[in-house]
Amino acid sequence: MKRAFDLLFSLLILTLFFPIGLTISVLILFSSKGGIFYRQERIGINGVPFKLYKFRSMRVDADQSGKLTVGMKDPRITRIGVFIRKYKLDEFPQFINVLRGDMSIVGPRPEVGEFVALYSDTQKKVLDVKPGITDYASLEYFNENALLAASDNPKKTYVEKIMPDKLEINQKYLVNPTLAHDLKIIFLTIRKVFNN
């Protein structure tokens, strides 16, 4: 049931979003060098890596100077990138990941291997389910970039404070990964985006 919902919902969103996605694609192409999409290796269910898709919001090879984005004033972010990040529009290509079976709509956000390597055995339980586009932790840390921007050591803040807290929050979902639970989180996410 969850997989069928993921497929139908993703197809609906991608169809409705297509005109906006096309506009964003053109703006990305004409505003900075590089392709439309950004692909980054993330760790999925059972620890299997996959390529996560986003609209490119940063300059080419920006992640070579660090995996974390430090606020909207990060100089690596393009002009159109600031806008699409603010409204989470850069995340929409991940519905393609859902269609491919890499992700679900709701589930713990997939992390890069560098940080997954730091997980404790308990924290690794998030890898027992498919990662998602949204979850409780994403709602709690909706403005995570701003928190990192205010830190003297963003990576340390992420590894020692934000990441463990997000993983603990995700335990709420792991005990009840049902369709009804997914619908609740989707509703909360939509409300959060429009109230931001």
N, C-alpha and C. Protein backbone atom coordinates (compact mmCIF):
# COMPACT_ATOMS: atom_id res chain seq x y z
N MET A 1 0.83 -1.21 0.00
CA MET A 1 0.00 0.00 0.00
C MET A 1 0.86 1.27 0.00
N LYS A 2 1.92 1.26 0.83
CA LYS A 2 2.79 2.43 0.91
C LYS A 2 3.48 2.69 -0.44
N ARG A 3 3.95 1.63 -1.08
CA ARG A 3 4.62 1.79 -2.36
C ARG A 3 3.66 2.31 -3.43
N ALA A 4 2.45 1.79 -3.45
CA ALA A 4 1.45 2.24 -4.42
C ALA A 4 1.14 3.72 -4.20
N PHE A 5 1.01 4.12 -2.93
CA PHE A 5 0.75 5.54 -2.62
C PHE A 5 1.92 6.40 -3.07
N ASP A 6 3.14 5.95 -2.79
CA ASP A 6 4.34 6.70 -3.20
C ASP A 6 4.35 6.94 -4.71
N LEU A 7 4.02 5.89 -5.48
CA LEU A 7 4.03 6.00 -6.93
C LEU A 7 2.96 6.97 -7.44
N LEU A 8 1.74 6.80 -6.95
CA LEU A 8 0.63 7.64 -7.42
C LEU A 8 0.84 9.10 -7.01
N PHE A 9 1.26 9.32 -5.77
CA PHE A 9 1.46 10.69 -5.28
C PHE A 9 2.60 11.36 -6.03
N SER A 10 3.68 10.63 -6.27
CA SER A 10 4.83 11.18 -6.99
C SER A 10 4.47 11.55 -8.42
N LEU A 11 3.73 10.67 -9.10
CA LEU A 11 3.30 10.97 -10.47
C LEU A 11 2.41 12.21 -10.51
N LEU A 12 1.52 12.33 -9.52
CA LEU A 12 0.64 13.50 -9.45
C LEU A 12 1.44 14.77 -9.23
N ILE A 13 2.35 14.75 -8.27
CA ILE A 13 3.16 15.93 -7.96
C ILE A 13 4.03 16.32 -9.15
N LEU A 14 4.69 15.36 -9.78
CA LEU A 14 5.56 15.66 -10.91
C LEU A 14 4.77 16.22 -12.09
N THR A 15 3.55 15.72 -12.29
CA THR A 15 2.71 16.23 -13.37
C THR A 15 2.28 17.67 -13.10
N LEU A 16 1.81 17.93 -11.88
CA LEU A 16 1.37 19.27 -11.51
C LEU A 16 2.53 20.26 -11.47
N PHE A 17 3.69 19.76 -11.06
CA PHE A 17 4.85 20.62 -10.87
C PHE A 17 5.60 20.89 -12.17
N PHE A 18 5.28 20.15 -13.22
CA PHE A 18 6.07 20.21 -14.46
C PHE A 18 6.28 21.64 -14.99
N PRO A 19 5.24 22.48 -15.10
CA PRO A 19 5.47 23.85 -15.61
C PRO A 19 6.43 24.66 -14.74
N ILE A 20 6.30 24.50 -13.41
CA ILE A 20 7.21 25.21 -12.50
C ILE A 20 8.61 24.64 -12.64
N GLY A 21 8.70 23.32 -12.72
CA GLY A 21 10.01 22.67 -12.87
C GLY A 21 10.71 23.08 -14.14
N LEU A 22 9.94 23.23 -15.21
CA LEU A 22 10.50 23.66 -16.49
C LEU A 22 11.05 25.08 -16.38
N THR A 23 10.30 25.95 -15.71
CA THR A 23 10.75 27.34 -15.51
C THR A 23 12.03 27.39 -14.68
N ILE A 24 12.05 26.61 -13.59
CA ILE A 24 13.24 26.56 -12.74
C ILE A 24 14.43 26.05 -13.54
N SER A 25 14.22 25.04 -14.36
CA SER A 25 15.30 24.46 -15.17
C SER A 25 15.92 25.50 -16.09
N VAL A 26 15.07 26.30 -16.75
CA VAL A 26 15.56 27.34 -17.65
C VAL A 26 16.35 28.40 -16.88
N LEU A 27 15.82 28.80 -15.71
CA LEU A 27 16.50 29.81 -14.89
C LEU A 27 17.87 29.31 -14.42
N ILE A 28 17.93 28.04 -14.05
CA ILE A 28 19.21 27.46 -13.60
C ILE A 28 20.22 27.48 -14.75
N LEU A 29 19.79 27.06 -15.93
CA LEU A 29 20.68 26.98 -17.08
C LEU A 29 21.24 28.34 -17.48
N PHE A 30 20.39 29.36 -17.39
CA PHE A 30 20.80 30.68 -17.86
C PHE A 30 21.45 31.55 -16.78
N SER A 31 21.37 31.14 -15.54
CA SER A 31 21.91 31.97 -14.46
C SER A 31 23.30 31.55 -13.99
N SER A 32 23.71 30.32 -14.31
CA SER A 32 25.04 29.87 -13.89
C SER A 32 25.48 28.67 -14.72
N LYS A 33 26.79 28.46 -14.77
CA LYS A 33 27.32 27.33 -15.52
C LYS A 33 27.01 26.02 -14.80
N GLY A 34 26.75 24.98 -15.61
CA GLY A 34 26.47 23.67 -15.04
C GLY A 34 25.12 23.14 -15.49
N GLY A 35 24.81 21.93 -15.09
CA GLY A 35 23.56 21.30 -15.49
C GLY A 35 22.39 21.72 -14.62
N ILE A 36 21.23 21.15 -14.92
CA ILE A 36 20.01 21.46 -14.18
C ILE A 36 19.98 20.73 -12.85
N PHE A 37 20.40 19.48 -12.86
CA PHE A 37 20.29 18.66 -11.66
C PHE A 37 21.63 18.50 -10.94
N TYR A 38 21.50 18.30 -9.64
CA TYR A 38 22.65 17.99 -8.80
C TYR A 38 22.41 16.58 -8.27
N ARG A 39 23.38 15.72 -8.43
CA ARG A 39 23.26 14.34 -7.95
C ARG A 39 24.33 14.10 -6.89
N GLN A 40 23.90 13.59 -5.77
CA GLN A 40 24.83 13.33 -4.67
C GLN A 40 24.58 11.93 -4.12
N GLU A 41 25.65 11.23 -3.82
CA GLU A 41 25.49 9.88 -3.26
C GLU A 41 25.01 9.97 -1.82
N ARG A 42 23.93 9.30 -1.55
CA ARG A 42 23.38 9.19 -0.19
C ARG A 42 23.25 7.72 0.16
N ILE A 43 23.04 7.45 1.43
CA ILE A 43 22.92 6.07 1.89
C ILE A 43 21.44 5.74 2.10
N GLY A 44 20.99 4.68 1.43
CA GLY A 44 19.58 4.31 1.49
C GLY A 44 19.31 3.13 2.40
N ILE A 45 18.18 2.47 2.14
CA ILE A 45 17.77 1.34 2.96
C ILE A 45 18.83 0.24 2.94
N ASN A 46 19.06 -0.35 4.11
CA ASN A 46 20.05 -1.41 4.30
C ASN A 46 21.48 -0.95 3.99
N GLY A 47 21.70 0.37 4.02
CA GLY A 47 23.04 0.89 3.81
C GLY A 47 23.50 0.92 2.37
N VAL A 48 22.56 0.75 1.43
CA VAL A 48 22.92 0.74 0.00
C VAL A 48 22.96 2.17 -0.54
N PRO A 49 24.07 2.58 -1.14
CA PRO A 49 24.17 3.95 -1.69
C PRO A 49 23.28 4.14 -2.92
N PHE A 50 22.82 5.36 -3.13
CA PHE A 50 22.09 5.71 -4.33
C PHE A 50 22.34 7.19 -4.64
N LYS A 51 22.01 7.60 -5.84
CA LYS A 51 22.18 9.00 -6.25
C LYS A 51 20.89 9.77 -6.01
N LEU A 52 20.95 10.77 -5.15
CA LEU A 52 19.81 11.61 -4.85
C LEU A 52 19.78 12.80 -5.81
N TYR A 53 18.59 13.11 -6.34
CA TYR A 53 18.45 14.20 -7.30
C TYR A 53 17.89 15.47 -6.63
N LYS A 54 18.47 16.59 -7.01
CA LYS A 54 17.94 17.90 -6.62
C LYS A 54 18.13 18.85 -7.80
N PHE A 55 17.35 19.94 -7.81
CA PHE A 55 17.69 21.00 -8.73
C PHE A 55 18.99 21.62 -8.24
N ARG A 56 19.90 21.91 -9.17
CA ARG A 56 21.19 22.48 -8.76
C ARG A 56 20.99 23.90 -8.25
N SER A 57 21.38 24.12 -7.01
CA SER A 57 21.24 25.44 -6.39
C SER A 57 22.59 26.05 -6.04
N MET A 58 23.66 25.29 -6.32
CA MET A 58 25.01 25.77 -5.99
C MET A 58 25.89 25.72 -7.23
N ARG A 59 27.02 26.36 -7.13
CA ARG A 59 27.95 26.36 -8.25
C ARG A 59 28.54 24.96 -8.43
N VAL A 60 28.98 24.67 -9.63
CA VAL A 60 29.53 23.35 -9.94
C VAL A 60 30.71 23.03 -9.02
N ASP A 61 30.74 21.78 -8.52
CA ASP A 61 31.79 21.27 -7.64
C ASP A 61 31.82 21.97 -6.28
N ALA A 62 30.72 22.61 -5.89
CA ALA A 62 30.67 23.31 -4.60
C ALA A 62 30.85 22.36 -3.42
N ASP A 63 30.38 21.10 -3.57
CA ASP A 63 30.46 20.18 -2.44
C ASP A 63 31.88 19.71 -2.15
N GLN A 64 32.83 20.05 -3.02
CA GLN A 64 34.22 19.68 -2.75
C GLN A 64 34.81 20.50 -1.60
N SER A 65 34.14 21.62 -1.27
CA SER A 65 34.60 22.43 -0.14
C SER A 65 33.74 22.20 1.10
N GLY A 66 32.98 21.10 1.10
CA GLY A 66 32.18 20.75 2.27
C GLY A 66 30.79 20.29 1.89
N LYS A 67 30.27 19.28 2.63
CA LYS A 67 28.96 18.72 2.32
C LYS A 67 27.82 19.55 2.92
N LEU A 68 28.13 20.36 3.95
CA LEU A 68 27.10 21.13 4.62
C LEU A 68 26.95 22.50 3.97
N THR A 69 25.70 22.96 3.87
CA THR A 69 25.43 24.30 3.38
C THR A 69 25.21 25.20 4.57
N VAL A 70 25.93 26.31 4.61
CA VAL A 70 25.91 27.18 5.78
C VAL A 70 25.08 28.43 5.49
N GLY A 71 23.77 28.32 5.66
CA GLY A 71 22.88 29.47 5.50
C GLY A 71 22.70 29.89 4.05
N MET A 72 21.76 30.82 3.84
CA MET A 72 21.47 31.30 2.50
C MET A 72 22.55 32.23 1.96
N LYS A 73 23.45 32.67 2.83
CA LYS A 73 24.52 33.57 2.38
C LYS A 73 25.79 32.81 2.01
N ASP A 74 25.69 31.48 2.00
CA ASP A 74 26.81 30.65 1.55
C ASP A 74 27.16 31.10 0.13
N PRO A 75 28.40 31.55 -0.09
CA PRO A 75 28.77 32.08 -1.41
C PRO A 75 28.69 31.07 -2.54
N ARG A 76 28.57 29.79 -2.22
CA ARG A 76 28.48 28.77 -3.25
C ARG A 76 27.08 28.69 -3.86
N ILE A 77 26.08 29.27 -3.18
CA ILE A 77 24.70 29.21 -3.65
C ILE A 77 24.48 30.25 -4.75
N THR A 78 23.84 29.83 -5.83
CA THR A 78 23.55 30.74 -6.94
C THR A 78 22.36 31.64 -6.59
N ARG A 79 22.12 32.64 -7.44
CA ARG A 79 20.99 33.55 -7.19
C ARG A 79 19.65 32.82 -7.22
N ILE A 80 19.45 32.00 -8.24
CA ILE A 80 18.20 31.23 -8.30
C ILE A 80 18.18 30.19 -7.19
N GLY A 81 19.37 29.74 -6.78
CA GLY A 81 19.48 28.76 -5.71
C GLY A 81 18.92 29.26 -4.40
N VAL A 82 19.13 30.53 -4.09
CA VAL A 82 18.61 31.11 -2.86
C VAL A 82 17.08 31.00 -2.83
N PHE A 83 16.47 31.31 -3.96
CA PHE A 83 14.99 31.28 -4.04
C PHE A 83 14.46 29.85 -3.93
N ILE A 84 15.00 28.94 -4.71
CA ILE A 84 14.44 27.58 -4.70
C ILE A 84 14.72 26.86 -3.39
N ARG A 85 15.81 27.22 -2.71
CA ARG A 85 16.09 26.62 -1.40
C ARG A 85 15.10 27.13 -0.35
N LYS A 86 14.79 28.42 -0.41
CA LYS A 86 13.89 29.02 0.58
C LYS A 86 12.55 28.31 0.60
N TYR A 87 12.04 27.97 -0.59
CA TYR A 87 10.73 27.33 -0.68
C TYR A 87 10.84 25.82 -0.93
N LYS A 88 12.02 25.27 -0.71
CA LYS A 88 12.27 23.83 -0.84
C LYS A 88 11.98 23.29 -2.24
N LEU A 89 11.99 24.17 -3.24
CA LEU A 89 11.71 23.74 -4.62
C LEU A 89 12.84 22.88 -5.17
N ASP A 90 14.05 23.03 -4.61
CA ASP A 90 15.18 22.23 -5.09
C ASP A 90 14.99 20.75 -4.78
N GLU A 91 14.09 20.44 -3.86
CA GLU A 91 13.88 19.06 -3.43
C GLU A 91 12.96 18.26 -4.36
N PHE A 92 12.20 18.93 -5.23
CA PHE A 92 11.17 18.25 -6.02
C PHE A 92 11.70 17.11 -6.90
N PRO A 93 12.90 17.21 -7.48
CA PRO A 93 13.38 16.08 -8.29
C PRO A 93 13.51 14.76 -7.51
N GLN A 94 13.45 14.84 -6.18
CA GLN A 94 13.53 13.61 -5.41
C GLN A 94 12.30 12.72 -5.60
N PHE A 95 11.23 13.29 -6.16
CA PHE A 95 10.08 12.44 -6.50
C PHE A 95 10.47 11.46 -7.60
N ILE A 96 11.51 11.80 -8.36
CA ILE A 96 12.05 10.85 -9.35
C ILE A 96 12.70 9.69 -8.61
N ASN A 97 13.41 10.00 -7.52
CA ASN A 97 14.01 8.95 -6.69
C ASN A 97 12.93 8.02 -6.12
N VAL A 98 11.77 8.61 -5.80
CA VAL A 98 10.67 7.79 -5.28
C VAL A 98 10.18 6.84 -6.37
N LEU A 99 10.01 7.35 -7.59
CA LEU A 99 9.57 6.50 -8.70
C LEU A 99 10.57 5.38 -8.96
N ARG A 100 11.85 5.69 -8.83
CA ARG A 100 12.91 4.70 -9.06
C ARG A 100 12.97 3.65 -7.95
N GLY A 101 12.35 3.94 -6.81
CA GLY A 101 12.38 3.00 -5.69
C GLY A 101 13.49 3.24 -4.71
N ASP A 102 14.27 4.32 -4.91
CA ASP A 102 15.36 4.63 -3.98
C ASP A 102 14.83 5.18 -2.67
N MET A 103 13.70 5.92 -2.76
CA MET A 103 13.18 6.63 -1.61
C MET A 103 11.67 6.45 -1.50
N SER A 104 11.15 6.85 -0.36
CA SER A 104 9.71 6.95 -0.15
C SER A 104 9.41 8.44 0.02
N ILE A 105 8.15 8.81 0.02
CA ILE A 105 7.82 10.21 0.24
C ILE A 105 8.11 10.59 1.69
N VAL A 106 7.76 9.71 2.61
CA VAL A 106 8.01 9.94 4.02
C VAL A 106 8.97 8.89 4.55
N GLY A 107 9.96 9.34 5.29
CA GLY A 107 10.94 8.45 5.88
C GLY A 107 12.14 9.28 6.34
N PRO A 108 13.02 8.70 7.11
CA PRO A 108 14.20 9.45 7.56
C PRO A 108 14.99 9.99 6.38
N ARG A 109 15.41 11.25 6.45
CA ARG A 109 16.16 11.85 5.36
C ARG A 109 17.46 11.08 5.14
N PRO A 110 17.82 10.79 3.87
CA PRO A 110 19.06 10.05 3.60
C PRO A 110 20.28 10.93 3.85
N GLU A 111 21.30 10.34 4.41
CA GLU A 111 22.52 11.07 4.77
C GLU A 111 23.66 10.65 3.86
N VAL A 112 24.70 11.46 3.82
CA VAL A 112 25.90 11.11 3.06
C VAL A 112 26.71 10.09 3.86
N GLY A 113 27.51 9.31 3.16
CA GLY A 113 28.27 8.24 3.80
C GLY A 113 29.19 8.72 4.90
N GLU A 114 29.75 9.92 4.72
CA GLU A 114 30.68 10.48 5.72
C GLU A 114 30.04 10.55 7.10
N PHE A 115 28.75 10.89 7.16
CA PHE A 115 28.08 11.03 8.44
C PHE A 115 27.43 9.73 8.90
N VAL A 116 26.98 8.90 7.96
CA VAL A 116 26.42 7.60 8.33
C VAL A 116 27.48 6.75 9.03
N ALA A 117 28.73 6.92 8.64
CA ALA A 117 29.83 6.18 9.27
C ALA A 117 29.95 6.49 10.76
N LEU A 118 29.36 7.58 11.20
CA LEU A 118 29.43 7.99 12.61
C LEU A 118 28.24 7.48 13.42
N TYR A 119 27.26 6.84 12.77
CA TYR A 119 26.07 6.37 13.46
C TYR A 119 26.40 5.29 14.48
N SER A 120 25.70 5.31 15.60
CA SER A 120 25.78 4.21 16.56
C SER A 120 24.88 3.08 16.04
N ASP A 121 24.94 1.93 16.70
CA ASP A 121 24.10 0.80 16.27
C ASP A 121 22.61 1.16 16.35
N THR A 122 22.25 1.90 17.38
CA THR A 122 20.84 2.31 17.53
C THR A 122 20.44 3.27 16.42
N GLN A 123 21.31 4.21 16.12
CA GLN A 123 21.01 5.19 15.07
C GLN A 123 20.91 4.54 13.69
N LYS A 124 21.63 3.44 13.50
CA LYS A 124 21.60 2.76 12.20
C LYS A 124 20.24 2.13 11.89
N LYS A 125 19.34 2.10 12.88
CA LYS A 125 18.00 1.56 12.64
C LYS A 125 17.23 2.38 11.61
N VAL A 126 17.63 3.64 11.41
CA VAL A 126 16.95 4.44 10.38
C VAL A 126 17.19 3.86 8.99
N LEU A 127 18.22 3.02 8.86
CA LEU A 127 18.52 2.39 7.58
C LEU A 127 17.66 1.15 7.32
N ASP A 128 16.78 0.82 8.28
CA ASP A 128 15.89 -0.34 8.11
C ASP A 128 14.69 -0.01 7.23
N VAL A 129 14.46 1.29 6.99
CA VAL A 129 13.34 1.71 6.14
C VAL A 129 13.88 2.58 5.01
N LYS A 130 13.09 2.73 3.96
CA LYS A 130 13.51 3.61 2.87
C LYS A 130 13.61 5.05 3.36
N PRO A 131 14.63 5.75 2.92
CA PRO A 131 14.71 7.17 3.27
C PRO A 131 13.59 7.93 2.58
N GLY A 132 13.29 9.13 3.09
CA GLY A 132 12.17 9.88 2.53
C GLY A 132 12.52 11.31 2.16
N ILE A 133 11.56 11.94 1.49
CA ILE A 133 11.70 13.35 1.13
C ILE A 133 11.46 14.23 2.35
N THR A 134 10.55 13.78 3.22
CA THR A 134 10.25 14.54 4.42
C THR A 134 10.07 13.61 5.61
N ASP A 135 10.23 14.17 6.81
CA ASP A 135 10.06 13.44 8.05
C ASP A 135 9.92 14.43 9.20
N TYR A 136 9.72 13.92 10.40
CA TYR A 136 9.58 14.80 11.57
C TYR A 136 10.83 15.66 11.78
N ALA A 137 11.99 15.08 11.54
CA ALA A 137 13.24 15.82 11.76
C ALA A 137 13.37 16.98 10.78
N SER A 138 12.90 16.78 9.55
CA SER A 138 12.93 17.86 8.56
C SER A 138 12.04 19.02 8.99
N LEU A 139 10.93 18.70 9.62
CA LEU A 139 10.03 19.74 10.11
C LEU A 139 10.65 20.48 11.29
N GLU A 140 11.25 19.72 12.19
CA GLU A 140 11.88 20.33 13.37
C GLU A 140 13.05 21.21 12.98
N TYR A 141 13.80 20.76 11.97
CA TYR A 141 15.00 21.51 11.53
C TYR A 141 14.78 22.10 10.14
N PHE A 142 13.62 22.69 9.95
CA PHE A 142 13.26 23.28 8.66
C PHE A 142 14.26 24.36 8.24
N ASN A 143 14.78 25.08 9.22
CA ASN A 143 15.76 26.15 8.96
C ASN A 143 17.16 25.76 9.45
N GLU A 144 17.51 24.52 9.19
CA GLU A 144 18.80 23.99 9.63
C GLU A 144 19.98 24.82 9.13
N ASN A 145 19.91 25.28 7.88
CA ASN A 145 21.02 26.05 7.32
C ASN A 145 21.33 27.30 8.12
N ALA A 146 20.26 27.93 8.65
CA ALA A 146 20.46 29.14 9.45
C ALA A 146 21.16 28.81 10.76
N LEU A 147 20.86 27.66 11.35
CA LEU A 147 21.52 27.24 12.59
C LEU A 147 23.01 27.00 12.34
N LEU A 148 23.31 26.36 11.20
CA LEU A 148 24.71 26.11 10.87
C LEU A 148 25.46 27.40 10.58
N ALA A 149 24.76 28.35 9.96
CA ALA A 149 25.39 29.64 9.63
C ALA A 149 25.77 30.40 10.89
N ALA A 150 25.02 30.18 11.97
CA ALA A 150 25.27 30.90 13.23
C ALA A 150 26.35 30.23 14.07
N SER A 151 26.83 29.08 13.62
CA SER A 151 27.83 28.32 14.39
C SER A 151 29.26 28.69 13.97
N ASP A 152 30.15 28.69 14.96
CA ASP A 152 31.57 28.93 14.68
C ASP A 152 32.20 27.71 14.01
N ASN A 153 31.60 26.55 14.24
CA ASN A 153 32.11 25.31 13.66
C ASN A 153 30.90 24.48 13.18
N PRO A 154 30.40 24.79 11.96
CA PRO A 154 29.17 24.15 11.47
C PRO A 154 29.22 22.62 11.46
N LYS A 155 30.33 22.06 11.04
CA LYS A 155 30.42 20.60 10.97
C LYS A 155 30.31 19.98 12.36
N LYS A 156 30.99 20.58 13.34
CA LYS A 156 30.93 20.07 14.71
C LYS A 156 29.51 20.20 15.26
N THR A 157 28.87 21.33 15.00
CA THR A 157 27.49 21.54 15.45
C THR A 157 26.56 20.50 14.85
N TYR A 158 26.76 20.20 13.56
CA TYR A 158 25.91 19.21 12.90
C TYR A 158 26.14 17.82 13.47
N VAL A 159 27.39 17.42 13.58
CA VAL A 159 27.71 16.06 14.02
C VAL A 159 27.36 15.82 15.49
N GLU A 160 27.60 16.82 16.33
CA GLU A 160 27.42 16.63 17.78
C GLU A 160 26.05 17.02 18.30
N LYS A 161 25.33 17.89 17.59
CA LYS A 161 24.04 18.35 18.08
C LYS A 161 22.89 18.02 17.12
N ILE A 162 22.96 18.54 15.91
CA ILE A 162 21.82 18.43 15.00
C ILE A 162 21.58 16.99 14.55
N MET A 163 22.62 16.32 14.05
CA MET A 163 22.44 14.96 13.53
C MET A 163 21.91 13.99 14.59
N PRO A 164 22.49 13.95 15.80
CA PRO A 164 21.95 13.03 16.82
C PRO A 164 20.50 13.34 17.18
N ASP A 165 20.18 14.64 17.23
CA ASP A 165 18.81 15.03 17.57
C ASP A 165 17.84 14.59 16.47
N LYS A 166 18.22 14.76 15.22
CA LYS A 166 17.37 14.36 14.10
C LYS A 166 17.16 12.84 14.11
N LEU A 167 18.20 12.10 14.40
CA LEU A 167 18.09 10.64 14.43
C LEU A 167 17.18 10.18 15.57
N GLU A 168 17.24 10.90 16.69
CA GLU A 168 16.36 10.56 17.81
C GLU A 168 14.90 10.87 17.46
N ILE A 169 14.68 12.01 16.80
CA ILE A 169 13.33 12.38 16.37
C ILE A 169 12.77 11.32 15.42
N ASN A 170 13.62 10.78 14.56
CA ASN A 170 13.17 9.79 13.58
C ASN A 170 12.66 8.50 14.22
N GLN A 171 13.05 8.26 15.47
CA GLN A 171 12.57 7.06 16.15
C GLN A 171 11.04 7.08 16.27
N LYS A 172 10.44 8.29 16.32
CA LYS A 172 8.98 8.41 16.40
C LYS A 172 8.32 7.80 15.17
N TYR A 173 8.97 7.96 14.03
CA TYR A 173 8.40 7.41 12.80
C TYR A 173 8.64 5.90 12.71
N LEU A 174 9.79 5.46 13.15
CA LEU A 174 10.15 4.05 13.00
C LEU A 174 9.22 3.11 13.75
N VAL A 175 8.62 3.60 14.84
CA VAL A 175 7.72 2.73 15.60
C VAL A 175 6.34 2.62 14.95
N ASN A 176 6.05 3.49 13.96
CA ASN A 176 4.73 3.45 13.33
C ASN A 176 4.80 3.95 11.89
N PRO A 177 5.51 3.23 11.01
CA PRO A 177 5.66 3.68 9.61
C PRO A 177 4.48 3.31 8.73
N THR A 178 3.31 3.88 9.04
CA THR A 178 2.09 3.52 8.32
C THR A 178 1.70 4.62 7.32
N LEU A 179 0.75 4.31 6.44
CA LEU A 179 0.27 5.28 5.46
C LEU A 179 -0.42 6.45 6.16
N ALA A 180 -1.18 6.17 7.20
CA ALA A 180 -1.85 7.24 7.95
C ALA A 180 -0.83 8.19 8.56
N HIS A 181 0.24 7.62 9.07
CA HIS A 181 1.32 8.42 9.65
C HIS A 181 1.98 9.27 8.55
N ASP A 182 2.17 8.67 7.38
CA ASP A 182 2.75 9.39 6.25
C ASP A 182 1.90 10.59 5.86
N LEU A 183 0.57 10.39 5.79
CA LEU A 183 -0.33 11.47 5.41
C LEU A 183 -0.26 12.63 6.40
N LYS A 184 -0.13 12.31 7.66
CA LYS A 184 0.00 13.35 8.69
C LYS A 184 1.27 14.17 8.47
N ILE A 185 2.39 13.50 8.21
CA ILE A 185 3.66 14.20 8.01
C ILE A 185 3.63 15.01 6.72
N ILE A 186 3.01 14.49 5.67
CA ILE A 186 2.89 15.23 4.41
C ILE A 186 2.09 16.51 4.64
N PHE A 187 0.98 16.41 5.37
CA PHE A 187 0.16 17.59 5.67
C PHE A 187 0.97 18.62 6.46
N LEU A 188 1.69 18.17 7.47
CA LEU A 188 2.50 19.09 8.29
C LEU A 188 3.60 19.75 7.45
N THR A 189 4.16 18.99 6.50
CA THR A 189 5.21 19.54 5.64
C THR A 189 4.66 20.62 4.72
N ILE A 190 3.52 20.35 4.10
CA ILE A 190 2.90 21.34 3.21
C ILE A 190 2.58 22.62 3.98
N ARG A 191 2.04 22.46 5.17
CA ARG A 191 1.71 23.64 6.00
C ARG A 191 2.96 24.42 6.37
N LYS A 192 4.03 23.69 6.68
CA LYS A 192 5.28 24.34 7.06
C LYS A 192 5.87 25.15 5.88
N VAL A 193 5.84 24.58 4.68
CA VAL A 193 6.38 25.26 3.51
C VAL A 193 5.62 26.56 3.23
N PHE A 194 4.29 26.49 3.32
CA PHE A 194 3.49 27.68 3.00
C PHE A 194 3.50 28.72 4.11
N ASN A 195 3.84 28.30 5.32
CA ASN A 195 3.91 29.26 6.43
C ASN A 195 5.30 29.82 6.63
N ASN A 196 6.25 29.33 5.86
CA ASN A 196 7.65 29.75 6.04
C ASN A 196 7.85 31.21 5.58
